[in-house]
């Protein structure tokens, strides 16, 4: 396990843009990095 309990495979998949990563985990990684995700209609 690496960054705050996330496995290397998850981080690799996230970096490569894998379409099936779990959104909650993505949000948690963003929070660890001091970032937030905003979704808005354009």
N, C-alpha and C. Protein backbone atom coordinates (compact mmCIF):
# COMPACT_ATOMS: atom_id res chain seq x y z
N UNK A 1 0.83 -1.18 0.00
CA UNK A 1 0.00 0.00 0.00
C UNK A 1 0.88 1.25 0.00
N UNK A 2 0.47 2.21 -0.76
CA UNK A 2 1.23 3.44 -0.86
C UNK A 2 0.50 4.60 -0.20
N UNK A 3 0.31 5.62 -0.96
CA UNK A 3 -0.29 6.87 -0.52
C UNK A 3 -1.61 6.65 0.21
N UNK A 4 -1.58 6.84 1.53
CA UNK A 4 -2.79 6.78 2.37
C UNK A 4 -3.63 5.53 2.12
N UNK A 5 -2.98 4.41 1.91
CA UNK A 5 -3.72 3.16 1.78
C UNK A 5 -4.14 2.80 0.37
N UNK A 6 -3.77 3.60 -0.61
CA UNK A 6 -4.11 3.26 -1.98
C UNK A 6 -3.00 2.40 -2.57
N UNK A 7 -3.37 1.35 -3.22
CA UNK A 7 -2.40 0.46 -3.83
C UNK A 7 -1.77 1.08 -5.07
N UNK A 8 -0.61 0.58 -5.41
CA UNK A 8 0.09 1.07 -6.61
C UNK A 8 -0.74 0.90 -7.86
N UNK A 9 -1.46 -0.21 -7.96
CA UNK A 9 -2.27 -0.48 -9.16
C UNK A 9 -3.33 0.60 -9.34
N UNK A 10 -3.97 1.02 -8.25
CA UNK A 10 -5.00 2.06 -8.36
C UNK A 10 -4.38 3.37 -8.86
N UNK A 11 -3.25 3.77 -8.29
CA UNK A 11 -2.60 5.02 -8.69
C UNK A 11 -2.17 4.97 -10.14
N UNK A 12 -1.63 3.84 -10.57
CA UNK A 12 -1.23 3.67 -11.98
C UNK A 12 -2.44 3.79 -12.88
N UNK A 13 -3.53 3.11 -12.53
CA UNK A 13 -4.75 3.17 -13.34
C UNK A 13 -5.29 4.60 -13.40
N UNK A 14 -5.26 5.29 -12.28
CA UNK A 14 -5.73 6.68 -12.23
C UNK A 14 -4.88 7.57 -13.14
N UNK A 15 -3.58 7.43 -13.04
CA UNK A 15 -2.67 8.24 -13.87
C UNK A 15 -2.85 7.97 -15.35
N UNK A 16 -3.20 6.75 -15.70
CA UNK A 16 -3.37 6.38 -17.11
C UNK A 16 -4.78 6.67 -17.63
N UNK A 17 -5.65 7.17 -16.75
CA UNK A 17 -6.99 7.54 -17.19
C UNK A 17 -7.95 6.39 -17.37
N UNK A 18 -7.72 5.31 -16.63
CA UNK A 18 -8.61 4.15 -16.73
C UNK A 18 -10.04 4.58 -16.40
N UNK A 19 -10.97 4.23 -17.26
CA UNK A 19 -12.35 4.70 -17.14
C UNK A 19 -13.14 4.06 -16.01
N UNK A 20 -12.65 2.98 -15.44
CA UNK A 20 -13.44 2.26 -14.44
C UNK A 20 -12.94 2.44 -13.01
N UNK A 21 -12.07 3.45 -12.75
CA UNK A 21 -11.63 3.67 -11.38
C UNK A 21 -12.80 4.14 -10.53
N UNK A 22 -12.76 3.84 -9.24
CA UNK A 22 -13.84 4.22 -8.33
C UNK A 22 -13.77 5.70 -8.03
N UNK A 23 -14.87 6.39 -8.28
CA UNK A 23 -14.90 7.84 -8.13
C UNK A 23 -14.59 8.29 -6.71
N UNK A 24 -15.08 7.58 -5.71
CA UNK A 24 -14.82 7.97 -4.32
C UNK A 24 -13.32 7.95 -4.03
N UNK A 25 -12.63 6.97 -4.56
CA UNK A 25 -11.18 6.90 -4.37
C UNK A 25 -10.48 8.05 -5.07
N UNK A 26 -10.96 8.42 -6.25
CA UNK A 26 -10.39 9.55 -6.97
C UNK A 26 -10.54 10.82 -6.14
N UNK A 27 -11.72 11.03 -5.56
CA UNK A 27 -11.96 12.21 -4.73
C UNK A 27 -11.04 12.21 -3.52
N UNK A 28 -10.83 11.06 -2.91
CA UNK A 28 -9.95 10.96 -1.75
C UNK A 28 -8.50 11.31 -2.11
N UNK A 29 -8.04 10.85 -3.27
CA UNK A 29 -6.69 11.18 -3.71
C UNK A 29 -6.58 12.68 -3.95
N UNK A 30 -7.57 13.27 -4.59
CA UNK A 30 -7.56 14.71 -4.83
C UNK A 30 -7.49 15.48 -3.51
N UNK A 31 -8.27 15.04 -2.53
CA UNK A 31 -8.26 15.70 -1.22
C UNK A 31 -6.88 15.60 -0.57
N UNK A 32 -6.24 14.45 -0.68
CA UNK A 32 -4.89 14.29 -0.13
C UNK A 32 -3.90 15.26 -0.77
N UNK A 33 -4.14 15.60 -2.02
CA UNK A 33 -3.26 16.51 -2.74
C UNK A 33 -3.68 17.96 -2.57
N UNK A 34 -4.73 18.20 -1.78
CA UNK A 34 -5.20 19.56 -1.56
C UNK A 34 -6.01 20.11 -2.72
N UNK A 35 -6.62 19.23 -3.50
CA UNK A 35 -7.40 19.62 -4.67
C UNK A 35 -8.86 19.24 -4.47
N UNK A 36 -9.73 19.82 -5.25
CA UNK A 36 -11.13 19.42 -5.22
C UNK A 36 -11.65 19.25 -6.63
N UNK A 37 -12.64 18.44 -6.78
CA UNK A 37 -13.27 18.19 -8.08
C UNK A 37 -14.56 18.97 -8.14
N UNK A 38 -14.73 19.73 -9.18
CA UNK A 38 -15.98 20.47 -9.39
C UNK A 38 -16.62 19.97 -10.67
N UNK A 39 -17.92 19.73 -10.58
CA UNK A 39 -18.69 19.29 -11.74
C UNK A 39 -19.73 20.36 -12.01
N UNK A 40 -19.74 20.83 -13.23
CA UNK A 40 -20.72 21.85 -13.57
C UNK A 40 -21.21 21.66 -14.99
N UNK A 41 -22.42 22.08 -15.20
CA UNK A 41 -23.03 21.98 -16.53
C UNK A 41 -22.50 23.10 -17.40
N UNK A 42 -22.11 22.76 -18.63
CA UNK A 42 -21.63 23.80 -19.54
C UNK A 42 -22.54 23.91 -20.73
